[in-house]
Structures are given as C-alpha cells and as structure tokens.
N, C-alpha and C. Protein backbone atom coordinates (compact mmCIF):
# COMPACT_ATOMS: atom_id res chain seq x y z
N UNK A 1 41.11 24.50 11.33
CA UNK A 1 41.27 23.72 10.10
C UNK A 1 42.19 24.42 9.19
N UNK A 2 43.27 23.74 8.75
CA UNK A 2 44.21 24.41 7.84
C UNK A 2 43.75 24.25 6.37
N UNK A 3 44.50 24.92 5.50
CA UNK A 3 44.11 25.02 4.08
C UNK A 3 44.06 23.65 3.44
N UNK A 4 44.92 22.70 3.80
CA UNK A 4 44.93 21.34 3.20
C UNK A 4 43.66 20.61 3.61
N UNK A 5 43.27 20.75 4.89
CA UNK A 5 42.08 20.03 5.31
C UNK A 5 40.83 20.60 4.64
N UNK A 6 40.78 21.95 4.41
CA UNK A 6 39.64 22.52 3.70
C UNK A 6 39.56 22.00 2.27
N UNK A 7 40.71 21.83 1.65
CA UNK A 7 40.74 21.38 0.24
C UNK A 7 40.17 19.94 0.12
N UNK A 8 40.49 19.05 1.04
CA UNK A 8 40.03 17.68 0.94
C UNK A 8 38.78 17.40 1.76
N UNK A 9 38.15 18.40 2.27
CA UNK A 9 36.92 18.24 3.05
C UNK A 9 35.82 17.58 2.19
N UNK A 10 35.14 16.58 2.75
CA UNK A 10 34.15 15.80 2.01
C UNK A 10 32.77 16.24 2.48
N UNK A 11 31.86 16.44 1.59
CA UNK A 11 30.51 16.80 1.92
C UNK A 11 29.84 15.61 2.50
N UNK A 12 29.31 15.60 3.75
CA UNK A 12 28.69 14.43 4.37
C UNK A 12 27.43 14.04 3.66
N UNK A 13 26.81 14.90 2.85
CA UNK A 13 25.56 14.55 2.14
C UNK A 13 25.84 13.65 0.94
N UNK A 14 27.06 13.62 0.47
CA UNK A 14 27.44 12.79 -0.66
C UNK A 14 27.60 11.34 -0.23
N UNK A 15 26.89 10.40 -0.85
CA UNK A 15 26.99 9.00 -0.48
C UNK A 15 27.92 8.30 -1.45
N UNK A 16 28.27 7.08 -1.09
CA UNK A 16 29.13 6.28 -1.98
C UNK A 16 28.42 6.00 -3.28
N UNK A 17 27.08 5.74 -3.22
CA UNK A 17 26.30 5.51 -4.46
C UNK A 17 26.34 6.69 -5.40
N UNK A 18 26.27 7.90 -4.79
CA UNK A 18 26.33 9.09 -5.66
C UNK A 18 27.69 9.21 -6.39
N UNK A 19 28.76 8.86 -5.67
CA UNK A 19 30.08 8.94 -6.24
C UNK A 19 30.23 7.89 -7.35
N UNK A 20 29.74 6.67 -7.08
CA UNK A 20 29.91 5.63 -8.11
C UNK A 20 29.05 5.92 -9.35
N UNK A 21 27.86 6.44 -9.17
CA UNK A 21 27.01 6.65 -10.37
C UNK A 21 27.42 7.93 -11.06
N UNK A 22 28.24 8.78 -10.48
CA UNK A 22 28.71 9.98 -11.15
C UNK A 22 29.79 9.64 -12.22
N UNK A 23 30.31 8.41 -12.18
CA UNK A 23 31.29 8.00 -13.16
C UNK A 23 30.63 7.84 -14.51
N UNK A 24 31.11 8.57 -15.50
CA UNK A 24 30.43 8.51 -16.83
C UNK A 24 30.57 7.14 -17.53
N UNK A 25 31.46 6.27 -17.02
CA UNK A 25 31.71 4.97 -17.64
C UNK A 25 30.72 3.90 -17.13
N UNK A 26 29.97 4.22 -16.13
CA UNK A 26 29.12 3.24 -15.47
C UNK A 26 27.66 3.45 -15.84
N UNK A 27 26.93 2.40 -15.99
CA UNK A 27 25.46 2.45 -16.14
C UNK A 27 24.96 2.74 -17.54
N UNK A 28 25.77 2.52 -18.50
CA UNK A 28 25.32 2.75 -19.86
C UNK A 28 24.23 1.79 -20.30
N UNK A 29 24.41 0.54 -20.00
CA UNK A 29 23.41 -0.46 -20.34
C UNK A 29 23.67 -1.72 -19.51
N UNK A 30 22.63 -2.50 -19.23
CA UNK A 30 22.87 -3.72 -18.44
C UNK A 30 23.48 -4.82 -19.30
N UNK A 31 24.13 -5.77 -18.63
CA UNK A 31 24.66 -6.93 -19.32
C UNK A 31 23.52 -7.69 -19.95
N UNK A 32 23.60 -8.07 -21.23
CA UNK A 32 22.53 -8.79 -21.84
C UNK A 32 22.33 -10.21 -21.33
N UNK A 33 23.38 -10.73 -20.69
CA UNK A 33 23.25 -12.09 -20.17
C UNK A 33 22.74 -12.18 -18.72
N UNK A 34 23.40 -11.44 -17.81
CA UNK A 34 23.03 -11.53 -16.37
C UNK A 34 22.23 -10.37 -15.88
N UNK A 35 22.18 -9.26 -16.63
CA UNK A 35 21.44 -8.08 -16.20
C UNK A 35 22.12 -7.14 -15.28
N UNK A 36 23.37 -7.46 -14.91
CA UNK A 36 24.10 -6.57 -14.03
C UNK A 36 24.62 -5.35 -14.78
N UNK A 37 25.06 -4.37 -14.00
CA UNK A 37 25.56 -3.14 -14.54
C UNK A 37 26.90 -3.42 -15.35
N UNK A 38 27.08 -2.67 -16.40
CA UNK A 38 28.34 -2.77 -17.14
C UNK A 38 29.09 -1.43 -17.08
N UNK A 39 30.30 -1.48 -17.57
CA UNK A 39 31.05 -0.22 -17.68
C UNK A 39 31.71 -0.15 -19.04
N UNK A 40 32.02 1.00 -19.53
CA UNK A 40 32.72 1.19 -20.79
C UNK A 40 34.18 1.03 -20.54
N UNK A 41 34.75 0.03 -21.14
CA UNK A 41 36.22 -0.14 -21.04
C UNK A 41 36.96 0.83 -21.91
N UNK A 42 36.47 1.05 -23.15
CA UNK A 42 37.08 1.95 -24.03
C UNK A 42 36.11 2.26 -25.19
N UNK A 43 36.46 3.21 -26.01
CA UNK A 43 35.68 3.50 -27.16
C UNK A 43 36.59 4.19 -28.16
N UNK A 44 36.13 4.18 -29.42
CA UNK A 44 36.93 4.85 -30.45
C UNK A 44 35.95 5.44 -31.44
N UNK A 45 36.28 6.65 -31.87
CA UNK A 45 35.51 7.39 -32.82
C UNK A 45 35.84 6.90 -34.19
N UNK A 46 34.79 6.39 -34.91
CA UNK A 46 35.01 5.88 -36.27
C UNK A 46 34.78 6.94 -37.30
N UNK A 47 33.67 7.70 -37.15
CA UNK A 47 33.38 8.84 -37.98
C UNK A 47 32.90 9.93 -37.01
N UNK A 48 32.70 11.17 -37.51
CA UNK A 48 32.19 12.20 -36.64
C UNK A 48 30.77 11.91 -36.03
N UNK A 49 30.08 10.92 -36.58
CA UNK A 49 28.74 10.61 -36.11
C UNK A 49 28.61 9.12 -35.66
N UNK A 50 29.70 8.42 -35.52
CA UNK A 50 29.61 6.98 -35.14
C UNK A 50 30.77 6.62 -34.23
N UNK A 51 30.47 5.97 -33.09
CA UNK A 51 31.51 5.57 -32.15
C UNK A 51 31.31 4.10 -31.77
N UNK A 52 32.36 3.29 -31.72
CA UNK A 52 32.33 1.94 -31.21
C UNK A 52 32.71 1.96 -29.75
N UNK A 53 31.92 1.19 -28.95
CA UNK A 53 32.15 1.20 -27.49
C UNK A 53 32.33 -0.24 -27.03
N UNK A 54 33.33 -0.52 -26.21
CA UNK A 54 33.62 -1.79 -25.65
C UNK A 54 33.16 -1.80 -24.17
N UNK A 55 32.26 -2.76 -23.87
CA UNK A 55 31.66 -2.87 -22.54
C UNK A 55 32.19 -4.10 -21.82
N UNK A 56 32.11 -4.06 -20.50
CA UNK A 56 32.46 -5.23 -19.68
C UNK A 56 31.45 -5.33 -18.55
N UNK A 57 30.99 -6.53 -18.24
CA UNK A 57 30.05 -6.73 -17.18
C UNK A 57 30.76 -6.58 -15.80
N UNK A 58 30.13 -5.92 -14.87
CA UNK A 58 30.71 -5.74 -13.51
C UNK A 58 30.54 -6.99 -12.66
N UNK A 59 29.71 -7.94 -13.09
CA UNK A 59 29.50 -9.19 -12.37
C UNK A 59 30.67 -10.13 -12.65
N UNK A 60 31.46 -10.33 -11.64
CA UNK A 60 32.70 -11.17 -11.87
C UNK A 60 32.36 -12.59 -12.28
N UNK A 61 31.24 -13.10 -11.78
CA UNK A 61 30.82 -14.50 -12.13
C UNK A 61 30.41 -14.52 -13.63
N UNK A 62 29.97 -13.45 -14.18
CA UNK A 62 29.57 -13.45 -15.62
C UNK A 62 30.76 -13.18 -16.51
N UNK A 63 31.37 -12.04 -16.34
CA UNK A 63 32.59 -11.68 -17.11
C UNK A 63 32.39 -11.36 -18.57
N UNK A 64 31.14 -11.18 -19.00
CA UNK A 64 30.89 -10.92 -20.37
C UNK A 64 31.47 -9.58 -20.87
N UNK A 65 32.11 -9.59 -22.01
CA UNK A 65 32.55 -8.35 -22.67
C UNK A 65 31.96 -8.33 -24.05
N UNK A 66 31.58 -7.10 -24.48
CA UNK A 66 30.95 -6.98 -25.79
C UNK A 66 31.18 -5.62 -26.38
N UNK A 67 30.94 -5.50 -27.63
CA UNK A 67 31.07 -4.23 -28.38
C UNK A 67 29.73 -3.73 -28.76
N UNK A 68 29.52 -2.41 -28.55
CA UNK A 68 28.26 -1.79 -28.96
C UNK A 68 28.66 -0.56 -29.81
N UNK A 69 27.63 0.27 -30.08
CA UNK A 69 27.89 1.43 -30.90
C UNK A 69 26.99 2.58 -30.51
N UNK A 70 27.41 3.75 -30.81
CA UNK A 70 26.67 4.98 -30.59
C UNK A 70 26.70 5.76 -31.86
N UNK A 71 25.52 6.10 -32.38
CA UNK A 71 25.46 6.78 -33.63
C UNK A 71 24.49 7.93 -33.68
N UNK A 72 24.70 8.88 -34.55
CA UNK A 72 23.80 10.00 -34.74
C UNK A 72 22.68 9.61 -35.62
N UNK A 73 21.41 9.87 -35.17
CA UNK A 73 20.27 9.55 -36.00
C UNK A 73 19.75 10.78 -36.73
N UNK A 74 19.42 11.81 -35.93
CA UNK A 74 18.97 13.05 -36.55
C UNK A 74 19.00 14.18 -35.49
N UNK A 75 19.05 15.37 -35.93
CA UNK A 75 19.05 16.51 -34.99
C UNK A 75 17.64 16.91 -34.63
N UNK A 76 17.52 17.35 -33.42
CA UNK A 76 16.16 17.79 -32.93
C UNK A 76 16.05 19.30 -33.19
N UNK A 77 17.10 20.02 -33.02
CA UNK A 77 17.13 21.49 -33.25
C UNK A 77 18.44 21.77 -34.04
N UNK A 78 18.38 22.60 -35.03
CA UNK A 78 19.56 22.83 -35.83
C UNK A 78 20.60 23.58 -34.98
N UNK A 79 21.89 23.36 -35.33
CA UNK A 79 22.99 23.97 -34.66
C UNK A 79 23.11 25.43 -35.04
N UNK A 80 23.55 26.29 -34.10
CA UNK A 80 23.80 27.68 -34.39
C UNK A 80 25.08 27.83 -35.11
N UNK A 81 25.99 26.80 -34.96
CA UNK A 81 27.26 26.88 -35.64
C UNK A 81 27.51 25.52 -36.40
N UNK A 82 26.80 25.27 -37.45
CA UNK A 82 26.86 23.96 -38.11
C UNK A 82 28.24 23.70 -38.74
N UNK A 83 28.66 22.43 -38.74
CA UNK A 83 29.90 22.07 -39.41
C UNK A 83 29.62 21.94 -40.88
N UNK A 84 30.26 22.80 -41.74
CA UNK A 84 29.97 22.76 -43.17
C UNK A 84 30.41 21.47 -43.85
N UNK A 85 31.29 20.70 -43.17
CA UNK A 85 31.78 19.45 -43.78
C UNK A 85 30.79 18.33 -43.65
N UNK A 86 29.72 18.51 -42.79
CA UNK A 86 28.75 17.46 -42.54
C UNK A 86 27.40 17.88 -43.03
N UNK A 87 26.64 16.90 -43.55
CA UNK A 87 25.26 17.14 -43.94
C UNK A 87 24.44 16.24 -43.05
N UNK A 88 24.05 16.74 -41.86
CA UNK A 88 23.34 15.96 -40.90
C UNK A 88 21.84 16.23 -41.02
N UNK A 89 21.05 15.11 -41.00
CA UNK A 89 19.61 15.29 -41.12
C UNK A 89 18.97 15.81 -39.85
N UNK A 90 17.89 16.54 -40.00
CA UNK A 90 17.10 16.96 -38.88
C UNK A 90 15.94 16.00 -38.66
N UNK A 91 15.23 16.10 -37.60
CA UNK A 91 14.11 15.24 -37.29
C UNK A 91 13.12 15.15 -38.48
N UNK A 92 12.77 13.95 -38.89
CA UNK A 92 11.78 13.83 -39.94
C UNK A 92 10.45 14.43 -39.54
N UNK A 93 9.83 15.12 -40.43
CA UNK A 93 8.50 15.73 -40.10
C UNK A 93 7.42 14.70 -40.37
N UNK A 94 6.64 14.49 -39.34
CA UNK A 94 5.46 13.59 -39.41
C UNK A 94 4.33 14.30 -38.71
N UNK A 95 3.17 14.27 -39.34
CA UNK A 95 1.99 14.81 -38.66
C UNK A 95 1.52 13.82 -37.61
N UNK A 96 1.06 14.40 -36.54
CA UNK A 96 0.53 13.56 -35.43
C UNK A 96 -0.71 12.85 -35.95
N UNK A 97 -0.93 11.59 -35.57
CA UNK A 97 -2.12 10.84 -36.00
C UNK A 97 -3.38 11.60 -35.60
N UNK A 98 -3.40 12.31 -34.49
CA UNK A 98 -4.58 13.04 -34.05
C UNK A 98 -4.85 14.18 -35.03
N UNK A 99 -3.81 14.86 -35.48
CA UNK A 99 -3.96 15.98 -36.45
C UNK A 99 -4.44 15.44 -37.76
N UNK A 100 -3.91 14.29 -38.20
CA UNK A 100 -4.33 13.73 -39.48
C UNK A 100 -5.80 13.33 -39.43
N UNK A 101 -6.25 12.76 -38.38
CA UNK A 101 -7.65 12.31 -38.26
C UNK A 101 -8.61 13.53 -38.16
N UNK A 102 -8.13 14.65 -37.67
CA UNK A 102 -9.01 15.82 -37.50
C UNK A 102 -8.91 16.76 -38.65
N UNK A 103 -8.02 16.49 -39.62
CA UNK A 103 -7.75 17.44 -40.70
C UNK A 103 -8.90 17.49 -41.67
N UNK A 104 -8.97 18.51 -42.58
CA UNK A 104 -10.04 18.68 -43.48
C UNK A 104 -10.18 17.55 -44.48
N UNK A 105 -9.07 16.83 -44.74
CA UNK A 105 -9.17 15.70 -45.68
C UNK A 105 -9.71 14.43 -45.06
N UNK A 106 -10.06 14.52 -43.76
CA UNK A 106 -10.55 13.33 -43.04
C UNK A 106 -11.99 13.03 -43.46
N UNK A 107 -12.28 11.77 -43.72
CA UNK A 107 -13.64 11.38 -44.11
C UNK A 107 -14.53 11.17 -42.84
N UNK A 108 -13.88 11.12 -41.69
CA UNK A 108 -14.62 10.90 -40.46
C UNK A 108 -14.75 12.16 -39.69
N UNK A 109 -15.48 13.14 -40.28
CA UNK A 109 -15.67 14.45 -39.60
C UNK A 109 -16.59 14.28 -38.40
N UNK A 110 -16.32 14.99 -37.35
CA UNK A 110 -17.10 14.99 -36.15
C UNK A 110 -18.36 15.80 -36.37
N UNK A 111 -19.54 15.13 -36.41
CA UNK A 111 -20.78 15.83 -36.70
C UNK A 111 -21.25 16.71 -35.56
N UNK A 112 -20.70 16.48 -34.35
CA UNK A 112 -21.07 17.29 -33.17
C UNK A 112 -20.24 18.57 -33.10
N UNK A 113 -19.21 18.65 -33.83
CA UNK A 113 -18.31 19.79 -33.78
C UNK A 113 -18.76 20.88 -34.72
N UNK A 114 -18.96 22.12 -34.22
CA UNK A 114 -19.39 23.21 -35.06
C UNK A 114 -18.22 23.70 -35.91
N UNK A 115 -18.50 24.16 -37.07
CA UNK A 115 -17.47 24.71 -37.91
C UNK A 115 -17.07 26.06 -37.41
N UNK A 116 -16.01 26.60 -37.92
CA UNK A 116 -15.50 27.91 -37.51
C UNK A 116 -16.52 29.01 -37.79
N UNK A 117 -17.19 28.95 -38.97
CA UNK A 117 -18.11 29.97 -39.40
C UNK A 117 -19.54 29.51 -39.26
N UNK A 118 -19.89 28.42 -38.67
CA UNK A 118 -21.28 27.99 -38.49
C UNK A 118 -21.92 28.85 -37.43
N UNK A 119 -23.23 28.99 -37.49
CA UNK A 119 -23.98 29.83 -36.54
C UNK A 119 -24.84 28.89 -35.71
C-alpha cells in the first residue's frame, strides 16, 4: 500500500449514516409541516448572543424553508475569561420545591422526623 492509498483509506466501521449525521448542518430540528429532517442553509450573527438561522426541509415533496433563531438565555457556569463588553446573566437561583417544603418555614413539618437535637 503506497502513501496515497494510506491517506484515503476508509475505516470499514464507519457507515454512511455516521457520515451524514456528522454534518453539523443536519438534524437541528424537524420540519414543522412534514416532520422530515431539515438542514441549515445559512445563518448570520445579529448580536454576540443572537443568531438567525435559515432552514430547508430535506423532503423534496415538502420543500418548506423557514427562519429560526438561536439565542443566549443564561450561563450555567461563569466563564474563566469573561468578555468585559457583555453583561450576561447566570442561571437564576431557585430553591427546589422539595427543599422549600422541608425548610424550617414550612407549616407542614413531618411529625415522624426527629429533630437534630431531639433525644
């Protein structure tokens, strides 16, 4: 096997489906009309946190094209190198309903539960 053949050697474990789904433009969302897979035709950045995306249905009989959007809602974990030009919100803090119900301000205290200092 020469160097050129080694360069273009294809892994037999890779299927056509794997190659098609590896495309980042495929599989973003189904067509709202026929349910088939769509692909991103193009997109444009409007702001650092908002992008418009143009989709097209892969079903030739449908042919639907539409515009969607992708936007930043909030951060899960703060950045180690934040952009000083942006003021991006982090995840809103909410207590779990289970914690709220079991908290000291709860009127529905569990009578079967011993207190921390009860004997």
